[in-house]
Amino acid sequence: MKEKLEEIEELVNEIEVDILKLQSLFSNFLKKHLKGLIIENYIGEYPTFMEPVILGEKVKIGDDVLIGPYVYIGDNSEIGNYAELSNTIIFDNVRVGTNIKLDNCIVTKNCKLNFNNSNIKNCILKGIANSEKEVLKIYF
């Protein structure tokens, strides 16, 4: 699984992303490499998990968060209150704001979504943004 994540991370960090290759790797990772529920080490109260979900180390989860199915969240990431995540890969050191819905997304390492109340689908998210307009989105 680790190798597939590294391959996806390398691809999304290229200047020109090969969308067809990314779609194949992303779909393959979610369906074949995410299995079960690995959620031993998170900080938060009463999130809802729908398998399969894998959480890294020291993940902070806000109130009334829905995670899954098919979600990977990397180490030291923070998910705001009322967020909903499905079919999504979130790399290490990411912050997702309050009431943000991500479906079929990849959030790159160190990305900060410092805004609230958004519904984002089918894209790569990069950078540090205080509004949805500021975040770099690459649709796939």
C-alpha atoms as a PDB file:
ATOM      1  CA  MET A   1       0.000   0.000   0.000  1.00  0.00           C
ATOM      2  CA  LYS A   2       2.806   2.410   0.923  1.00  0.00           C
ATOM      3  CA  GLU A   3       4.361   2.120  -2.563  1.00  0.00           C
ATOM      4  CA  LYS A   4       1.047   2.898  -4.272  1.00  0.00           C
ATOM      5  CA  LEU A   5       0.552   5.973  -2.081  1.00  0.00           C
ATOM      6  CA  GLU A   6       4.063   7.180  -2.928  1.00  0.00           C
ATOM      7  CA  GLU A   7       3.376   6.659  -6.629  1.00  0.00           C
ATOM      8  CA  ILE A   8       0.163   8.709  -6.419  1.00  0.00           C
ATOM      9  CA  GLU A   9       1.919  11.424  -4.403  1.00  0.00           C
ATOM     10  CA  GLU A  10       4.716  11.707  -6.987  1.00  0.00           C
ATOM     11  CA  LEU A  11       2.192  11.950  -9.802  1.00  0.00           C
ATOM     12  CA  VAL A  12       0.062  14.692  -8.187  1.00  0.00           C
ATOM     13  CA  ASN A  13       3.183  16.758  -7.476  1.00  0.00           C
ATOM     14  CA  GLU A  14       4.268  16.866 -11.116  1.00  0.00           C
ATOM     15  CA  ILE A  15       3.849  20.151 -12.964  1.00  0.00           C
ATOM     16  CA  GLU A  16       1.657  18.501 -15.586  1.00  0.00           C
ATOM     17  CA  VAL A  17      -0.377  15.687 -14.058  1.00  0.00           C
ATOM     18  CA  ASP A  18      -1.091  12.674 -16.285  1.00  0.00           C
ATOM     19  CA  ILE A  19      -4.828  12.548 -15.543  1.00  0.00           C
ATOM     20  CA  LEU A  20      -5.466   9.164 -17.176  1.00  0.00           C
ATOM     21  CA  LYS A  21      -2.649   7.535 -15.230  1.00  0.00           C
ATOM     22  CA  LEU A  22      -3.833   9.249 -12.038  1.00  0.00           C
ATOM     23  CA  GLN A  23      -7.406   8.054 -12.491  1.00  0.00           C
ATOM     24  CA  SER A  24      -6.201   4.488 -12.898  1.00  0.00           C
ATOM     25  CA  LEU A  25      -3.842   4.616  -9.881  1.00  0.00           C
ATOM     26  CA  PHE A  26      -6.427   6.384  -7.702  1.00  0.00           C
ATOM     27  CA  SER A  27      -9.232   3.946  -8.493  1.00  0.00           C
ATOM     28  CA  ASN A  28      -6.913   0.947  -8.105  1.00  0.00           C
ATOM     29  CA  PHE A  29      -5.661   2.206  -4.730  1.00  0.00           C
ATOM     30  CA  LEU A  30      -9.131   2.840  -3.327  1.00  0.00           C
ATOM     31  CA  LYS A  31     -10.648  -0.440  -4.466  1.00  0.00           C
ATOM     32  CA  LYS A  32      -7.725  -2.862  -4.100  1.00  0.00           C
ATOM     33  CA  HIS A  33      -5.425  -1.480  -1.406  1.00  0.00           C
ATOM     34  CA  LEU A  34      -7.784   0.086   1.121  1.00  0.00           C
ATOM     35  CA  LYS A  35      -9.159  -2.749   3.186  1.00  0.00           C
ATOM     36  CA  GLY A  36     -10.857  -2.836   6.542  1.00  0.00           C
ATOM     37  CA  LEU A  37     -10.806  -0.253   9.267  1.00  0.00           C
ATOM     38  CA  ILE A  38      -7.520   0.975  10.755  1.00  0.00           C
ATOM     39  CA  ILE A  39      -8.415   3.795  13.118  1.00  0.00           C
ATOM     40  CA  GLU A  40      -6.534   3.096  16.339  1.00  0.00           C
ATOM     41  CA  ASN A  41      -4.777   6.417  16.843  1.00  0.00           C
ATOM     42  CA  TYR A  42      -7.016   9.421  16.270  1.00  0.00           C
ATOM     43  CA  ILE A  43      -8.040  12.378  18.401  1.00  0.00           C
ATOM     44  CA  GLY A  44     -11.725  13.284  18.422  1.00  0.00           C
ATOM     45  CA  GLU A  45     -15.153  12.312  19.656  1.00  0.00           C
ATOM     46  CA  TYR A  46     -17.834  10.303  17.920  1.00  0.00           C
ATOM     47  CA  PRO A  47     -16.895  10.343  14.244  1.00  0.00           C
ATOM     48  CA  THR A  48     -18.755   7.918  11.998  1.00  0.00           C
ATOM     49  CA  PHE A  49     -16.630   5.558   9.923  1.00  0.00           C
ATOM     50  CA  MET A  50     -17.812   3.576   6.910  1.00  0.00           C
ATOM     51  CA  GLU A  51     -15.303   0.888   5.863  1.00  0.00           C
ATOM     52  CA  PRO A  52     -12.763   0.856   4.436  1.00  0.00           C
ATOM     53  CA  VAL A  53     -10.956   3.687   6.233  1.00  0.00           C
ATOM     54  CA  ILE A  54      -7.293   3.994   7.178  1.00  0.00           C
ATOM     55  CA  LEU A  55      -6.038   6.753   9.470  1.00  0.00           C
ATOM     56  CA  GLY A  56      -2.402   7.661  10.020  1.00  0.00           C
ATOM     57  CA  GLU A  57      -0.826   8.718  13.303  1.00  0.00           C
ATOM     58  CA  LYS A  58      -2.156  11.698  15.307  1.00  0.00           C
ATOM     59  CA  VAL A  59      -5.150  12.466  13.083  1.00  0.00           C
ATOM     60  CA  LYS A  60      -7.529  14.997  14.681  1.00  0.00           C
ATOM     61  CA  ILE A  61     -11.205  14.618  13.824  1.00  0.00           C
ATOM     62  CA  GLY A  62     -13.875  17.225  14.650  1.00  0.00           C
ATOM     63  CA  ASP A  63     -17.451  16.718  15.832  1.00  0.00           C
ATOM     64  CA  ASP A  64     -20.048  14.896  13.729  1.00  0.00           C
ATOM     65  CA  VAL A  65     -17.620  13.912  10.969  1.00  0.00           C
ATOM     66  CA  LEU A  66     -18.504  11.219   8.432  1.00  0.00           C
ATOM     67  CA  ILE A  67     -15.503   9.372   6.995  1.00  0.00           C
ATOM     68  CA  GLY A  68     -15.800   6.707   4.323  1.00  0.00           C
ATOM     69  CA  PRO A  69     -16.116   4.618   2.448  1.00  0.00           C
ATOM     70  CA  TYR A  70     -12.708   4.409   0.774  1.00  0.00           C
ATOM     71  CA  VAL A  71     -10.792   7.066   2.695  1.00  0.00           C
ATOM     72  CA  TYR A  72      -7.112   7.274   3.587  1.00  0.00           C
ATOM     73  CA  ILE A  73      -5.963  10.096   5.912  1.00  0.00           C
ATOM     74  CA  GLY A  74      -2.234  10.637   6.453  1.00  0.00           C
ATOM     75  CA  ASP A  75      -0.310  11.446   9.619  1.00  0.00           C
ATOM     76  CA  ASN A  76      -0.812  14.701  11.549  1.00  0.00           C
ATOM     77  CA  SER A  77      -3.881  15.727   9.569  1.00  0.00           C
ATOM     78  CA  GLU A  78      -6.880  17.583  10.962  1.00  0.00           C
ATOM     79  CA  ILE A  79     -10.484  17.248   9.820  1.00  0.00           C
ATOM     80  CA  GLY A  80     -12.876  20.025  10.860  1.00  0.00           C
ATOM     81  CA  ASN A  81     -16.333  19.660  12.390  1.00  0.00           C
ATOM     82  CA  TYR A  82     -19.174  18.336  10.221  1.00  0.00           C
ATOM     83  CA  ALA A  83     -16.842  17.305   7.385  1.00  0.00           C
ATOM     84  CA  GLU A  84     -17.787  14.448   5.060  1.00  0.00           C
ATOM     85  CA  LEU A  85     -15.092  12.496   3.233  1.00  0.00           C
ATOM     86  CA  SER A  86     -15.608   9.671   0.742  1.00  0.00           C
ATOM     87  CA  ASN A  87     -13.445   8.081  -1.952  1.00  0.00           C
ATOM     88  CA  THR A  88     -10.624  10.399  -0.915  1.00  0.00           C
ATOM     89  CA  ILE A  89      -6.901  10.300  -0.212  1.00  0.00           C
ATOM     90  CA  ILE A  90      -5.550  12.904   2.197  1.00  0.00           C
ATOM     91  CA  PHE A  91      -1.774  12.974   2.535  1.00  0.00           C
ATOM     92  CA  ASP A  92       0.227  13.982   5.652  1.00  0.00           C
ATOM     93  CA  ASN A  93      -0.083  17.330   7.468  1.00  0.00           C
ATOM     94  CA  VAL A  94      -3.356  18.416   5.873  1.00  0.00           C
ATOM     95  CA  ARG A  95      -6.063  20.594   7.371  1.00  0.00           C
ATOM     96  CA  VAL A  96      -9.674  20.384   6.173  1.00  0.00           C
ATOM     97  CA  GLY A  97     -12.042  23.112   7.388  1.00  0.00           C
ATOM     98  CA  THR A  98     -15.514  22.884   8.917  1.00  0.00           C
ATOM     99  CA  ASN A  99     -18.447  21.526   6.916  1.00  0.00           C
ATOM    100  CA  ILE A 100     -16.341  20.609   3.885  1.00  0.00           C
ATOM    101  CA  LYS A 101     -17.453  17.667   1.763  1.00  0.00           C
ATOM    102  CA  LEU A 102     -14.800  15.924  -0.308  1.00  0.00           C
ATOM    103  CA  ASP A 103     -15.775  13.174  -2.732  1.00  0.00           C
ATOM    104  CA  ASN A 104     -13.331  11.494  -5.081  1.00  0.00           C
ATOM    105  CA  CYS A 105     -10.510  13.890  -4.187  1.00  0.00           C
ATOM    106  CA  ILE A 106      -6.782  13.818  -3.501  1.00  0.00           C
ATOM    107  CA  VAL A 107      -5.460  16.388  -1.033  1.00  0.00           C
ATOM    108  CA  THR A 108      -1.697  16.896  -1.327  1.00  0.00           C
ATOM    109  CA  LYS A 109       0.792  16.906   1.531  1.00  0.00           C
ATOM    110  CA  ASN A 110       0.781  20.088   3.686  1.00  0.00           C
ATOM    111  CA  CYS A 111      -2.396  21.417   2.028  1.00  0.00           C
ATOM    112  CA  LYS A 112      -4.457  23.692   4.276  1.00  0.00           C
ATOM    113  CA  LEU A 113      -8.115  24.225   3.419  1.00  0.00           C
ATOM    114  CA  ASN A 114      -8.677  27.091   5.870  1.00  0.00           C
ATOM    115  CA  PHE A 115     -12.237  27.750   4.765  1.00  0.00           C
ATOM    116  CA  ASN A 116     -15.663  26.303   5.533  1.00  0.00           C
ATOM    117  CA  ASN A 117     -18.888  25.215   3.848  1.00  0.00           C
ATOM    118  CA  SER A 118     -17.752  23.708   0.553  1.00  0.00           C
ATOM    119  CA  ASN A 119     -18.631  20.692  -1.542  1.00  0.00           C
ATOM    120  CA  ILE A 120     -15.675  19.603  -3.701  1.00  0.00           C
ATOM    121  CA  LYS A 121     -15.619  16.635  -6.075  1.00  0.00           C
ATOM    122  CA  ASN A 122     -13.297  14.896  -8.509  1.00  0.00           C
ATOM    123  CA  CYS A 123     -10.092  16.869  -8.119  1.00  0.00           C
ATOM    124  CA  ILE A 124      -6.621  17.231  -6.701  1.00  0.00           C
ATOM    125  CA  LEU A 125      -6.383  19.989  -4.079  1.00  0.00           C
ATOM    126  CA  LYS A 126      -3.078  21.796  -3.486  1.00  0.00           C
ATOM    127  CA  GLY A 127      -1.788  24.713  -1.461  1.00  0.00           C
ATOM    128  CA  ILE A 128      -2.819  26.849   1.457  1.00  0.00           C
ATOM    129  CA  ALA A 129      -6.134  28.587   0.962  1.00  0.00           C
ATOM    130  CA  ASN A 130      -8.413  30.791   3.032  1.00  0.00           C
ATOM    131  CA  SER A 131     -11.271  30.449   0.540  1.00  0.00           C
ATOM    132  CA  GLU A 132     -12.317  27.857  -1.999  1.00  0.00           C
ATOM    133  CA  LYS A 133     -11.343  30.264  -4.798  1.00  0.00           C
ATOM    134  CA  GLU A 134      -7.729  30.311  -3.562  1.00  0.00           C
ATOM    135  CA  VAL A 135      -7.137  26.547  -3.556  1.00  0.00           C
ATOM    136  CA  LEU A 136      -5.443  25.050  -6.620  1.00  0.00           C
ATOM    137  CA  LYS A 137      -7.801  22.438  -8.113  1.00  0.00           C
ATOM    138  CA  ILE A 138      -6.904  20.002 -10.848  1.00  0.00           C
ATOM    139  CA  TYR A 139     -10.034  18.175 -11.985  1.00  0.00           C
ATOM    140  CA  PHE A 140      -9.911  14.562 -13.056  1.00  0.00           C
END
